[in-house]
Amino acid sequence: MSPSAGVAPPIAAFFATIGFAALAIFGFGFTSLLTDTDVLAEPALGQGAGITAMLLAALVFAATGYGAIRRGRYVGALWVAAATVAAYLVGIAGGGILTGADPAVAVGAVGDFAVSWYLLVLAVTAAIAAWAGIALGRTRASRPQWPWERADDEE
């Protein structure tokens, strides 16, 4: 059996994106619990801004993560995190405006998020998930085998 070439970049990007979304949602919830604050504290935005922001962030994470996994350099995780944070901020404003909020309120919510603990949580989770995706793409691991399945044991 030939050595594995690693996990295919689209599959590694898929798993990293799912991991990012799960970590970010958990991180937001835990941070909200610890700080007794809301992720988006402006009630005029409604839920649409948060949903739009997370969807846009996940899409940008998937696209930039795929590129970073293909390149196989761990420093790419920092660029993925920066792009993901930027997408989340754009998503807050865009989602707020699309759901009928005043544009000034939406931009103010972006500013509030940008100076909160939630931004740090989002950046760290994006960097961790991107690093894990890159590591998954670089691995040369193969599936587990029983001793009798190995070709080198034959005489």
C-alpha atoms as a PDB file:
ATOM      1  CA  MET A   1       0.000   0.000   0.000  1.00  0.00           C
ATOM      2  CA  SER A   2       1.369   3.428  -0.934  1.00  0.00           C
ATOM      3  CA  PRO A   3       1.757   6.139   1.693  1.00  0.00           C
ATOM      4  CA  SER A   4      -1.132   8.561   1.996  1.00  0.00           C
ATOM      5  CA  ALA A   5      -0.876  11.985   0.394  1.00  0.00           C
ATOM      6  CA  GLY A   6      -2.849  13.518   3.239  1.00  0.00           C
ATOM      7  CA  VAL A   7      -6.447  14.570   3.480  1.00  0.00           C
ATOM      8  CA  ALA A   8      -7.744  16.241   0.323  1.00  0.00           C
ATOM      9  CA  PRO A   9      -7.946  20.048   0.693  1.00  0.00           C
ATOM     10  CA  PRO A  10     -11.725  20.269   0.082  1.00  0.00           C
ATOM     11  CA  ILE A  11     -12.395  17.678   2.793  1.00  0.00           C
ATOM     12  CA  ALA A  12      -9.969  19.300   5.236  1.00  0.00           C
ATOM     13  CA  ALA A  13     -11.562  22.708   4.551  1.00  0.00           C
ATOM     14  CA  PHE A  14     -15.029  21.259   5.133  1.00  0.00           C
ATOM     15  CA  PHE A  15     -14.080  19.779   8.505  1.00  0.00           C
ATOM     16  CA  ALA A  16     -12.213  22.948   9.519  1.00  0.00           C
ATOM     17  CA  THR A  17     -15.234  25.091   8.613  1.00  0.00           C
ATOM     18  CA  ILE A  18     -17.609  22.948  10.638  1.00  0.00           C
ATOM     19  CA  GLY A  19     -15.139  23.067  13.526  1.00  0.00           C
ATOM     20  CA  PHE A  20     -14.849  26.844  13.227  1.00  0.00           C
ATOM     21  CA  ALA A  21     -18.608  27.368  13.311  1.00  0.00           C
ATOM     22  CA  ALA A  22     -19.013  25.075  16.312  1.00  0.00           C
ATOM     23  CA  LEU A  23     -16.138  26.682  18.231  1.00  0.00           C
ATOM     24  CA  ALA A  24     -17.313  30.213  17.439  1.00  0.00           C
ATOM     25  CA  ILE A  25     -20.893  29.568  18.524  1.00  0.00           C
ATOM     26  CA  PHE A  26     -19.709  27.843  21.694  1.00  0.00           C
ATOM     27  CA  GLY A  27     -17.221  30.654  22.346  1.00  0.00           C
ATOM     28  CA  PHE A  28     -19.866  33.326  21.890  1.00  0.00           C
ATOM     29  CA  GLY A  29     -22.230  31.528  24.229  1.00  0.00           C
ATOM     30  CA  PHE A  30     -19.600  30.980  26.893  1.00  0.00           C
ATOM     31  CA  THR A  31     -18.357  34.570  26.644  1.00  0.00           C
ATOM     32  CA  SER A  32     -21.921  35.807  26.928  1.00  0.00           C
ATOM     33  CA  LEU A  33     -22.375  33.691  30.040  1.00  0.00           C
ATOM     34  CA  LEU A  34     -19.136  34.924  31.638  1.00  0.00           C
ATOM     35  CA  THR A  35     -19.577  38.621  30.816  1.00  0.00           C
ATOM     36  CA  ASP A  36     -23.379  38.744  31.147  1.00  0.00           C
ATOM     37  CA  THR A  37     -23.607  40.587  27.817  1.00  0.00           C
ATOM     38  CA  ASP A  38     -25.139  39.886  24.433  1.00  0.00           C
ATOM     39  CA  VAL A  39     -23.022  39.210  21.357  1.00  0.00           C
ATOM     40  CA  LEU A  40     -24.881  41.948  19.493  1.00  0.00           C
ATOM     41  CA  ALA A  41     -26.253  44.210  22.189  1.00  0.00           C
ATOM     42  CA  GLU A  42     -28.342  46.424  19.893  1.00  0.00           C
ATOM     43  CA  PRO A  43     -31.953  45.171  20.040  1.00  0.00           C
ATOM     44  CA  ALA A  44     -32.924  47.079  16.871  1.00  0.00           C
ATOM     45  CA  LEU A  45     -30.770  44.733  14.791  1.00  0.00           C
ATOM     46  CA  GLY A  46     -32.796  41.639  15.533  1.00  0.00           C
ATOM     47  CA  GLN A  47     -31.493  38.141  14.874  1.00  0.00           C
ATOM     48  CA  GLY A  48     -30.871  38.658  11.160  1.00  0.00           C
ATOM     49  CA  ALA A  49     -27.620  40.535  11.680  1.00  0.00           C
ATOM     50  CA  GLY A  50     -26.074  37.785  13.792  1.00  0.00           C
ATOM     51  CA  ILE A  51     -27.223  35.042  11.454  1.00  0.00           C
ATOM     52  CA  THR A  52     -25.971  36.904   8.377  1.00  0.00           C
ATOM     53  CA  ALA A  53     -22.655  37.679  10.059  1.00  0.00           C
ATOM     54  CA  MET A  54     -22.021  34.055  11.059  1.00  0.00           C
ATOM     55  CA  LEU A  55     -23.001  32.718   7.629  1.00  0.00           C
ATOM     56  CA  LEU A  56     -20.766  35.223   5.846  1.00  0.00           C
ATOM     57  CA  ALA A  57     -17.901  34.515   8.255  1.00  0.00           C
ATOM     58  CA  ALA A  58     -18.250  30.766   7.688  1.00  0.00           C
ATOM     59  CA  LEU A  59     -18.290  31.212   3.898  1.00  0.00           C
ATOM     60  CA  VAL A  60     -15.196  33.406   3.972  1.00  0.00           C
ATOM     61  CA  PHE A  61     -13.517  31.001   6.391  1.00  0.00           C
ATOM     62  CA  ALA A  62     -14.227  28.105   4.026  1.00  0.00           C
ATOM     63  CA  ALA A  63     -12.882  29.946   0.978  1.00  0.00           C
ATOM     64  CA  THR A  64      -9.755  31.342   2.595  1.00  0.00           C
ATOM     65  CA  GLY A  65      -9.230  28.174   4.624  1.00  0.00           C
ATOM     66  CA  TYR A  66      -9.274  26.097   1.457  1.00  0.00           C
ATOM     67  CA  GLY A  67      -6.533  28.287  -0.006  1.00  0.00           C
ATOM     68  CA  ALA A  68      -4.463  28.085   3.168  1.00  0.00           C
ATOM     69  CA  ILE A  69      -4.839  24.308   3.299  1.00  0.00           C
ATOM     70  CA  ARG A  70      -3.746  23.995  -0.337  1.00  0.00           C
ATOM     71  CA  ARG A  71      -0.634  26.074   0.369  1.00  0.00           C
ATOM     72  CA  GLY A  72       0.080  24.096   3.549  1.00  0.00           C
ATOM     73  CA  ARG A  73       1.702  26.952   5.467  1.00  0.00           C
ATOM     74  CA  TYR A  74       0.619  27.478   9.046  1.00  0.00           C
ATOM     75  CA  VAL A  75       0.994  31.265   8.816  1.00  0.00           C
ATOM     76  CA  GLY A  76      -2.052  31.130   6.534  1.00  0.00           C
ATOM     77  CA  ALA A  77      -4.167  30.588   9.652  1.00  0.00           C
ATOM     78  CA  LEU A  78      -3.571  34.223  10.606  1.00  0.00           C
ATOM     79  CA  TRP A  79      -4.823  35.457   7.236  1.00  0.00           C
ATOM     80  CA  VAL A  80      -7.857  33.198   7.479  1.00  0.00           C
ATOM     81  CA  ALA A  81      -8.633  34.607  10.927  1.00  0.00           C
ATOM     82  CA  ALA A  82      -8.283  38.207   9.718  1.00  0.00           C
ATOM     83  CA  ALA A  83     -10.541  37.610   6.704  1.00  0.00           C
ATOM     84  CA  THR A  84     -13.095  35.809   8.858  1.00  0.00           C
ATOM     85  CA  VAL A  85     -13.254  38.660  11.375  1.00  0.00           C
ATOM     86  CA  ALA A  86     -13.619  41.202   8.570  1.00  0.00           C
ATOM     87  CA  ALA A  87     -16.431  39.146   7.033  1.00  0.00           C
ATOM     88  CA  TYR A  88     -18.224  38.938  10.380  1.00  0.00           C
ATOM     89  CA  LEU A  89     -18.048  42.715  10.780  1.00  0.00           C
ATOM     90  CA  VAL A  90     -19.385  43.266   7.259  1.00  0.00           C
ATOM     91  CA  GLY A  91     -22.085  40.693   7.984  1.00  0.00           C
ATOM     92  CA  ILE A  92     -23.246  42.576  11.068  1.00  0.00           C
ATOM     93  CA  ALA A  93     -23.692  45.790   9.105  1.00  0.00           C
ATOM     94  CA  GLY A  94     -25.132  44.134   6.004  1.00  0.00           C
ATOM     95  CA  GLY A  95     -27.453  41.853   7.938  1.00  0.00           C
ATOM     96  CA  GLY A  96     -28.677  44.716  10.078  1.00  0.00           C
ATOM     97  CA  ILE A  97     -29.404  46.896   7.075  1.00  0.00           C
ATOM     98  CA  LEU A  98     -31.072  44.041   5.173  1.00  0.00           C
ATOM     99  CA  THR A  99     -33.394  43.350   8.090  1.00  0.00           C
ATOM    100  CA  GLY A 100     -34.506  46.982   8.233  1.00  0.00           C
ATOM    101  CA  ALA A 101     -32.319  48.504  10.916  1.00  0.00           C
ATOM    102  CA  ASP A 102     -31.084  52.046  10.594  1.00  0.00           C
ATOM    103  CA  PRO A 103     -27.639  52.002   8.894  1.00  0.00           C
ATOM    104  CA  ALA A 104     -26.172  54.152  11.687  1.00  0.00           C
ATOM    105  CA  VAL A 105     -27.359  51.614  14.273  1.00  0.00           C
ATOM    106  CA  ALA A 106     -25.858  48.755  12.232  1.00  0.00           C
ATOM    107  CA  VAL A 107     -22.503  50.509  11.904  1.00  0.00           C
ATOM    108  CA  GLY A 108     -22.591  51.332  15.617  1.00  0.00           C
ATOM    109  CA  ALA A 109     -23.139  47.646  16.375  1.00  0.00           C
ATOM    110  CA  VAL A 110     -20.079  46.844  14.260  1.00  0.00           C
ATOM    111  CA  GLY A 111     -18.054  49.257  16.380  1.00  0.00           C
ATOM    112  CA  ASP A 112     -19.384  47.768  19.605  1.00  0.00           C
ATOM    113  CA  PHE A 113     -18.502  44.256  18.438  1.00  0.00           C
ATOM    114  CA  ALA A 114     -15.045  45.365  17.280  1.00  0.00           C
ATOM    115  CA  VAL A 115     -14.074  46.472  20.790  1.00  0.00           C
ATOM    116  CA  SER A 116     -15.595  43.529  22.639  1.00  0.00           C
ATOM    117  CA  TRP A 117     -14.317  40.186  23.874  1.00  0.00           C
ATOM    118  CA  TYR A 118     -16.368  38.549  21.142  1.00  0.00           C
ATOM    119  CA  LEU A 119     -13.983  39.801  18.467  1.00  0.00           C
ATOM    120  CA  LEU A 120     -11.094  38.094  20.260  1.00  0.00           C
ATOM    121  CA  VAL A 121     -13.106  34.883  20.605  1.00  0.00           C
ATOM    122  CA  LEU A 122     -13.950  34.952  16.887  1.00  0.00           C
ATOM    123  CA  ALA A 123     -10.343  35.609  15.842  1.00  0.00           C
ATOM    124  CA  VAL A 124      -8.900  32.899  18.086  1.00  0.00           C
ATOM    125  CA  THR A 125     -11.445  30.281  17.048  1.00  0.00           C
ATOM    126  CA  ALA A 126     -10.871  31.070  13.369  1.00  0.00           C
ATOM    127  CA  ALA A 127      -7.097  30.798  13.803  1.00  0.00           C
ATOM    128  CA  ILE A 128      -7.358  27.518  15.735  1.00  0.00           C
ATOM    129  CA  ALA A 129      -9.745  25.937  13.235  1.00  0.00           C
ATOM    130  CA  ALA A 130      -7.658  27.110  10.270  1.00  0.00           C
ATOM    131  CA  TRP A 131      -4.484  25.743  11.866  1.00  0.00           C
ATOM    132  CA  ALA A 132      -6.227  22.427  12.457  1.00  0.00           C
ATOM    133  CA  GLY A 133      -7.404  22.343   8.833  1.00  0.00           C
ATOM    134  CA  ILE A 134      -3.882  23.033   7.581  1.00  0.00           C
ATOM    135  CA  ALA A 135      -2.517  20.315   9.857  1.00  0.00           C
ATOM    136  CA  LEU A 136      -5.164  17.912   8.584  1.00  0.00           C
ATOM    137  CA  GLY A 137      -4.202  18.695   4.985  1.00  0.00           C
ATOM    138  CA  ARG A 138      -0.498  18.239   5.705  1.00  0.00           C
ATOM    139  CA  THR A 139      -0.801  14.957   7.560  1.00  0.00           C
ATOM    140  CA  ARG A 140       0.492  11.803   5.943  1.00  0.00           C
ATOM    141  CA  ALA A 141      -1.595   9.537   8.097  1.00  0.00           C
ATOM    142  CA  SER A 142      -3.460   6.619   6.628  1.00  0.00           C
ATOM    143  CA  ARG A 143      -6.306   4.491   7.859  1.00  0.00           C
ATOM    144  CA  PRO A 144      -5.591   2.003  10.652  1.00  0.00           C
ATOM    145  CA  GLN A 145      -4.713  -1.513   9.523  1.00  0.00           C
ATOM    146  CA  TRP A 146      -4.762  -4.909  11.136  1.00  0.00           C
ATOM    147  CA  PRO A 147      -1.375  -6.647  11.255  1.00  0.00           C
ATOM    148  CA  TRP A 148      -2.384  -9.107   8.509  1.00  0.00           C
ATOM    149  CA  GLU A 149      -3.341  -6.240   6.177  1.00  0.00           C
ATOM    150  CA  ARG A 150       0.183  -4.868   5.970  1.00  0.00           C
ATOM    151  CA  ALA A 151       2.046  -5.829   2.816  1.00  0.00           C
ATOM    152  CA  ASP A 152       5.483  -5.588   4.465  1.00  0.00           C
ATOM    153  CA  ASP A 153       4.717  -8.553   6.749  1.00  0.00           C
ATOM    154  CA  GLU A 154       4.504 -10.961   3.825  1.00  0.00           C
ATOM    155  CA  GLU A 155       7.393 -13.344   3.311  1.00  0.00           C
END
